[in-house]
Amino acid sequence: MTTITFPAFNINLTISRIAFSIGNIHIYWYGIFIGLAFIIAIFALKKDSKKYDINYEDILELIIILIPVAIICTRLYYVIFNLQYYLSNPSQIFNIKNGGLAVYGGIIGAAITIIIFCKIKKLKLLDMFDMLVPYLALGQAIGRWGNFVNGEAHGVQTNNIFRMGIVENGIYMEVHPTFLYESISTLILFFILTYLKNHRKYEGQLTIVYLLVYSAIRAVIEGLRTDSLMIGNIRVSQLLSIIIFSTMLIVLIYINQRKKKTIENDYRKNNVIQSLK
């Protein structure tokens, strides 16, 4: 059982990581939240497939492939950056019931899978990415509540109004509820992407916005967490977030400059045409 409080709001909760059991099989909340995110995406993408002119059967085939790939890669990323522990405790590598899934690992694995899939199926890659990223953001907003139930992925101690009280290693402390910060932020990002979906100006726009905004969110939140994956004194996911943000910012500037140059060239051509009349 996990005991969690929000002192400023007089909220006291005692939550079991197990949602229900069927015989000796335990179904964990963590898995339910992840499954819920995939189910929502499957139904929502049926409508979006027409907008992007992508065959829905191809999307279903991709999702069937993505589900195991994403889970394996989220775990692999986590294990790689905790390698010393897992080399000493190899039996724990496959134990994900208490968490230990890293979002960036899933994103990287999924991106590579989508690139290969689109190449084989001869589908427009940027359209596929643009179609999927809103539901990736929504899935992250939902999935972070699995961290809440597990009492993990929290931040350093704080006395701000949103502080969350937990007991860790027998010690009560009040910490930043970083799971909540990221859940709310990615939910807002989902709504932004949903709006842009109907006002898309070029292929890949939603993907760039997702990567730019999420990396900024994660870079800030990662700095508050106490369980960051580390290389020496460097927070791995924070460093990766900064690299992604910087790259996407350069890409966005390049696209805007190119569009501006195109408009200027069109303007000059129109002036030449008018002068010849």
Protein backbone atom coordinates (compact mmCIF):
# COMPACT_ATOMS: atom_id res chain seq x y z
CA MET A 1 0.00 0.00 0.00
CA THR A 2 1.14 3.54 -0.75
CA THR A 3 0.18 6.41 1.57
CA ILE A 4 0.10 9.82 -0.09
CA THR A 5 -1.10 13.16 1.27
CA PHE A 6 -1.54 16.68 -0.06
CA PRO A 7 -1.33 18.63 3.25
CA ALA A 8 -2.37 22.02 1.86
CA PHE A 9 -5.62 20.52 0.55
CA ASN A 10 -6.22 18.12 3.46
CA ILE A 11 -6.14 15.11 1.11
CA ASN A 12 -5.04 11.76 2.56
CA LEU A 13 -4.94 8.66 0.39
CA THR A 14 -3.91 5.06 0.90
CA ILE A 15 -3.63 3.30 -2.44
CA SER A 16 -2.76 -0.26 -3.39
CA ARG A 17 -0.53 -0.74 -6.42
CA ILE A 18 -2.73 -3.72 -7.30
CA ALA A 19 -6.04 -2.73 -8.93
CA PHE A 20 -7.52 -6.23 -8.68
CA SER A 21 -6.52 -9.87 -8.77
CA ILE A 22 -7.71 -12.87 -10.76
CA GLY A 23 -6.63 -15.88 -8.77
CA ASN A 24 -2.87 -15.49 -8.30
CA ILE A 25 -2.59 -13.00 -11.15
CA HIS A 26 -2.32 -9.36 -10.02
CA ILE A 27 -3.37 -6.51 -12.29
CA TYR A 28 -1.45 -3.34 -11.39
CA TRP A 29 -2.68 0.23 -11.79
CA TYR A 30 0.54 1.06 -13.62
CA GLY A 31 -0.34 -1.38 -16.39
CA ILE A 32 -3.97 -0.25 -16.49
CA PHE A 33 -3.00 3.37 -17.09
CA ILE A 34 -0.62 2.37 -19.90
CA GLY A 35 -3.27 0.11 -21.43
CA LEU A 36 -5.89 2.86 -21.19
CA ALA A 37 -3.63 5.25 -23.10
CA PHE A 38 -3.23 2.74 -25.95
CA ILE A 39 -6.98 2.01 -26.08
CA ILE A 40 -7.87 5.71 -26.33
CA ALA A 41 -5.32 6.15 -29.12
CA ILE A 42 -6.65 3.16 -31.06
CA PHE A 43 -10.20 4.54 -31.14
CA ALA A 44 -9.21 8.18 -31.72
CA LEU A 45 -6.89 7.34 -34.59
CA LYS A 46 -9.74 5.81 -36.60
CA LYS A 47 -11.11 9.32 -37.23
CA ASP A 48 -7.69 10.89 -37.72
CA SER A 49 -6.66 8.28 -40.29
CA LYS A 50 -9.09 9.84 -42.79
CA LYS A 51 -7.72 13.31 -42.17
CA TYR A 52 -4.16 12.18 -42.88
CA ASP A 53 -5.22 9.76 -45.65
CA ILE A 54 -3.56 6.80 -43.94
CA ASN A 55 -5.19 3.37 -44.03
CA TYR A 56 -6.60 2.54 -40.57
CA GLU A 57 -5.57 -1.11 -40.95
CA ASP A 58 -1.97 0.06 -41.35
CA ILE A 59 -2.31 2.08 -38.14
CA LEU A 60 -3.65 -0.92 -36.23
CA GLU A 61 -0.80 -3.06 -37.55
CA LEU A 62 1.70 -0.40 -36.44
CA ILE A 63 0.18 -0.14 -32.95
CA ILE A 64 0.29 -3.92 -32.52
CA ILE A 65 4.03 -3.70 -33.22
CA LEU A 66 4.54 -0.53 -31.15
CA ILE A 67 3.01 -1.86 -27.92
CA PRO A 68 5.70 -4.49 -27.19
CA VAL A 69 8.47 -2.36 -28.72
CA ALA A 70 7.57 0.66 -26.55
CA ILE A 71 7.42 -1.42 -23.36
CA ILE A 72 10.72 -3.18 -24.11
CA CYS A 73 12.49 0.06 -25.00
CA THR A 74 11.19 2.00 -21.99
CA ARG A 75 12.53 -0.77 -19.78
CA LEU A 76 15.78 -1.14 -21.75
CA TYR A 77 16.55 2.59 -21.41
CA TYR A 78 15.95 2.38 -17.66
CA VAL A 79 18.07 -0.76 -17.25
CA ILE A 80 20.98 0.60 -19.33
CA PHE A 81 21.31 3.66 -17.11
CA ASN A 82 21.01 1.52 -13.96
CA LEU A 83 23.30 -1.15 -15.36
CA GLN A 84 25.41 -1.71 -12.26
CA TYR A 85 22.34 -2.58 -10.19
CA TYR A 86 20.82 -4.88 -12.80
CA LEU A 87 24.10 -6.68 -13.47
CA SER A 88 24.12 -7.49 -9.75
CA ASN A 89 20.38 -8.29 -9.76
CA PRO A 90 19.62 -9.76 -13.21
CA SER A 91 16.36 -11.32 -12.01
CA GLN A 92 14.97 -7.80 -11.54
CA ILE A 93 15.43 -6.79 -15.18
CA PHE A 94 11.96 -8.05 -16.13
CA ASN A 95 10.24 -6.92 -12.93
CA ILE A 96 8.26 -3.85 -14.05
CA LYS A 97 5.30 -4.16 -11.70
CA ASN A 98 6.71 -1.38 -9.50
CA GLY A 99 7.60 0.90 -12.39
CA GLY A 100 11.03 1.44 -13.87
CA LEU A 101 9.94 2.47 -17.36
CA ALA A 102 11.66 5.48 -18.95
CA VAL A 103 9.55 7.52 -21.38
CA TYR A 104 12.44 8.57 -23.60
CA GLY A 105 13.37 4.94 -24.22
CA GLY A 106 9.86 4.28 -25.52
CA ILE A 107 9.89 7.42 -27.69
CA ILE A 108 13.23 6.49 -29.27
CA GLY A 109 12.20 2.88 -29.85
CA ALA A 110 8.82 3.88 -31.25
CA ALA A 111 10.35 6.51 -33.56
CA ILE A 112 12.77 3.98 -35.06
CA THR A 113 9.94 1.45 -35.49
CA ILE A 114 7.68 4.02 -37.18
CA ILE A 115 10.47 5.04 -39.59
CA ILE A 116 11.06 1.41 -40.61
CA PHE A 117 7.32 0.68 -40.84
CA CYS A 118 6.59 3.72 -43.03
CA LYS A 119 9.51 2.89 -45.31
CA ILE A 120 8.28 -0.68 -45.80
CA LYS A 121 4.64 0.36 -46.27
CA LYS A 122 5.58 3.42 -48.35
CA LEU A 123 3.63 5.77 -46.05
CA LYS A 124 4.30 9.46 -45.46
CA LEU A 125 6.53 9.51 -42.40
CA LEU A 126 5.88 13.07 -41.21
CA ASP A 127 2.11 12.62 -41.59
CA MET A 128 2.33 9.47 -39.47
CA PHE A 129 4.34 11.26 -36.78
CA ASP A 130 1.95 14.24 -36.80
CA MET A 131 -1.01 11.92 -36.43
CA LEU A 132 0.47 10.03 -33.48
CA VAL A 133 2.14 12.71 -31.32
CA PRO A 134 -1.06 14.22 -29.84
CA TYR A 135 -1.93 10.80 -28.42
CA LEU A 136 1.61 10.30 -27.22
CA ALA A 137 1.19 13.47 -25.15
CA LEU A 138 -2.19 12.27 -23.88
CA GLY A 139 -0.73 8.85 -23.07
CA GLN A 140 2.02 10.50 -21.02
CA ALA A 141 -0.57 12.56 -19.14
CA ILE A 142 -2.46 9.38 -18.26
CA GLY A 143 0.58 7.19 -17.66
CA ARG A 144 2.11 9.51 -15.05
CA TRP A 145 -0.71 8.54 -12.69
CA GLY A 146 0.87 5.11 -12.56
CA ASN A 147 3.86 6.83 -10.94
CA PHE A 148 1.47 8.46 -8.48
CA VAL A 149 0.00 5.12 -7.40
CA ASN A 150 3.50 3.69 -7.01
CA GLY A 151 4.65 6.74 -5.02
CA GLU A 152 7.59 7.21 -7.38
CA ALA A 153 9.01 9.79 -9.81
CA HIS A 154 8.60 12.53 -7.22
CA GLY A 155 10.75 15.60 -6.69
CA VAL A 156 12.90 17.08 -3.96
CA GLN A 157 11.47 18.31 -0.69
CA THR A 158 9.43 21.51 -0.78
CA ASN A 159 6.95 23.54 1.25
CA ASN A 160 4.96 24.94 -1.68
CA ILE A 161 1.17 24.64 -1.79
CA PHE A 162 1.22 21.66 -4.14
CA ARG A 163 3.58 19.60 -1.98
CA MET A 164 2.90 15.88 -1.66
CA GLY A 165 3.52 13.94 1.53
CA ILE A 166 5.00 10.45 1.19
CA VAL A 167 6.74 7.91 3.39
CA GLU A 168 10.00 6.68 1.89
CA ASN A 169 12.30 4.25 3.68
CA GLY A 170 10.26 4.83 6.82
CA ILE A 171 10.73 8.61 6.69
CA TYR A 172 7.88 11.05 6.06
CA MET A 173 8.71 13.90 3.70
CA GLU A 174 6.89 16.51 1.65
CA VAL A 175 8.04 16.70 -1.95
CA HIS A 176 7.30 18.18 -5.38
CA PRO A 177 4.60 16.01 -7.07
CA THR A 178 6.55 15.98 -10.33
CA PHE A 179 4.25 13.30 -11.73
CA LEU A 180 1.41 15.83 -11.44
CA TYR A 181 3.43 18.64 -13.02
CA GLU A 182 4.20 16.47 -16.03
CA SER A 183 0.68 15.04 -16.27
CA ILE A 184 -0.92 18.50 -16.37
CA SER A 185 1.74 19.87 -18.74
CA THR A 186 1.40 17.03 -21.24
CA LEU A 187 -2.41 17.24 -21.07
CA ILE A 188 -2.15 20.92 -22.04
CA LEU A 189 0.28 19.90 -24.79
CA PHE A 190 -2.30 17.39 -26.05
CA PHE A 191 -4.90 20.16 -26.38
CA ILE A 192 -2.39 22.41 -28.16
CA LEU A 193 -1.57 19.65 -30.64
CA THR A 194 -5.25 18.86 -31.15
CA TYR A 195 -5.86 22.50 -32.06
CA LEU A 196 -2.86 22.58 -34.41
CA LYS A 197 -4.06 19.38 -36.07
CA ASN A 198 -6.84 21.39 -37.72
CA HIS A 199 -4.51 24.32 -38.56
CA ARG A 200 -1.42 22.45 -39.75
CA LYS A 201 0.69 24.52 -42.16
CA TYR A 202 3.24 21.89 -43.16
CA GLU A 203 4.06 18.21 -42.68
CA GLY A 204 5.92 17.59 -39.45
CA GLN A 205 4.64 20.71 -37.69
CA LEU A 206 2.93 18.81 -34.86
CA THR A 207 5.99 16.62 -34.38
CA ILE A 208 8.28 19.63 -34.06
CA VAL A 209 5.91 21.34 -31.59
CA TYR A 210 5.62 18.16 -29.52
CA LEU A 211 9.38 17.64 -29.33
CA LEU A 212 10.05 21.32 -28.64
CA VAL A 213 7.46 21.71 -25.88
CA TYR A 214 7.85 18.29 -24.24
CA SER A 215 11.63 18.54 -24.10
CA ALA A 216 11.31 21.96 -22.42
CA ILE A 217 8.81 20.55 -19.91
CA ARG A 218 10.98 17.53 -19.18
CA ALA A 219 14.20 19.53 -18.83
CA VAL A 220 12.62 21.63 -16.08
CA ILE A 221 10.82 18.79 -14.27
CA GLU A 222 13.81 16.45 -14.46
CA GLY A 223 15.79 19.02 -12.50
CA LEU A 224 13.37 18.58 -9.58
CA ARG A 225 13.34 14.79 -9.48
CA THR A 226 15.27 12.64 -7.03
CA ASP A 227 15.30 9.45 -9.12
CA SER A 228 16.88 10.71 -12.33
CA LEU A 229 18.96 8.31 -14.40
CA MET A 230 22.53 9.56 -14.15
CA ILE A 231 25.85 9.48 -15.96
CA GLY A 232 28.23 10.79 -13.33
CA ASN A 233 26.67 14.08 -12.19
CA ILE A 234 24.64 14.52 -15.38
CA ARG A 235 20.91 13.79 -15.49
CA VAL A 236 20.55 11.72 -18.66
CA SER A 237 16.99 12.68 -19.55
CA GLN A 238 17.60 16.35 -18.79
CA LEU A 239 20.64 16.40 -21.09
CA LEU A 240 18.66 14.61 -23.81
CA SER A 241 15.80 17.11 -23.36
CA ILE A 242 18.17 20.06 -23.81
CA ILE A 243 19.65 18.49 -26.97
CA ILE A 244 16.19 17.82 -28.43
CA PHE A 245 14.95 21.31 -27.55
CA SER A 246 18.00 22.98 -29.11
CA THR A 247 17.74 20.85 -32.25
CA MET A 248 14.02 21.50 -32.72
CA LEU A 249 14.54 25.23 -32.14
CA ILE A 250 17.13 25.29 -34.93
CA VAL A 251 14.80 23.30 -37.21
CA LEU A 252 11.92 25.68 -36.47
CA ILE A 253 14.08 28.75 -37.19
CA TYR A 254 15.27 27.17 -40.44
CA ILE A 255 11.69 26.40 -41.56
CA ASN A 256 10.52 29.93 -40.77
CA GLN A 257 13.49 31.46 -42.61
CA ARG A 258 12.83 29.25 -45.61
CA LYS A 259 9.14 30.23 -45.65
CA LYS A 260 10.08 33.90 -45.38
CA LYS A 261 12.51 33.55 -48.28
CA THR A 262 9.85 31.81 -50.38
CA ILE A 263 7.37 34.62 -49.72
CA GLU A 264 9.98 37.23 -50.65
CA ASN A 265 10.83 35.39 -53.89
CA ASP A 266 7.14 35.12 -54.80
CA TYR A 267 6.73 38.83 -54.12
CA ARG A 268 9.66 39.68 -56.42
CA LYS A 269 8.29 37.44 -59.18
CA ASN A 270 4.89 39.10 -58.95
CA ASN A 271 6.51 42.56 -59.20
CA VAL A 272 8.45 41.48 -62.31
CA ILE A 273 5.28 40.12 -63.91
CA GLN A 274 3.37 43.30 -63.13
CA SER A 275 6.12 45.46 -64.62
CA LEU A 276 6.06 43.47 -67.86
CA LYS A 277 2.34 43.98 -68.37
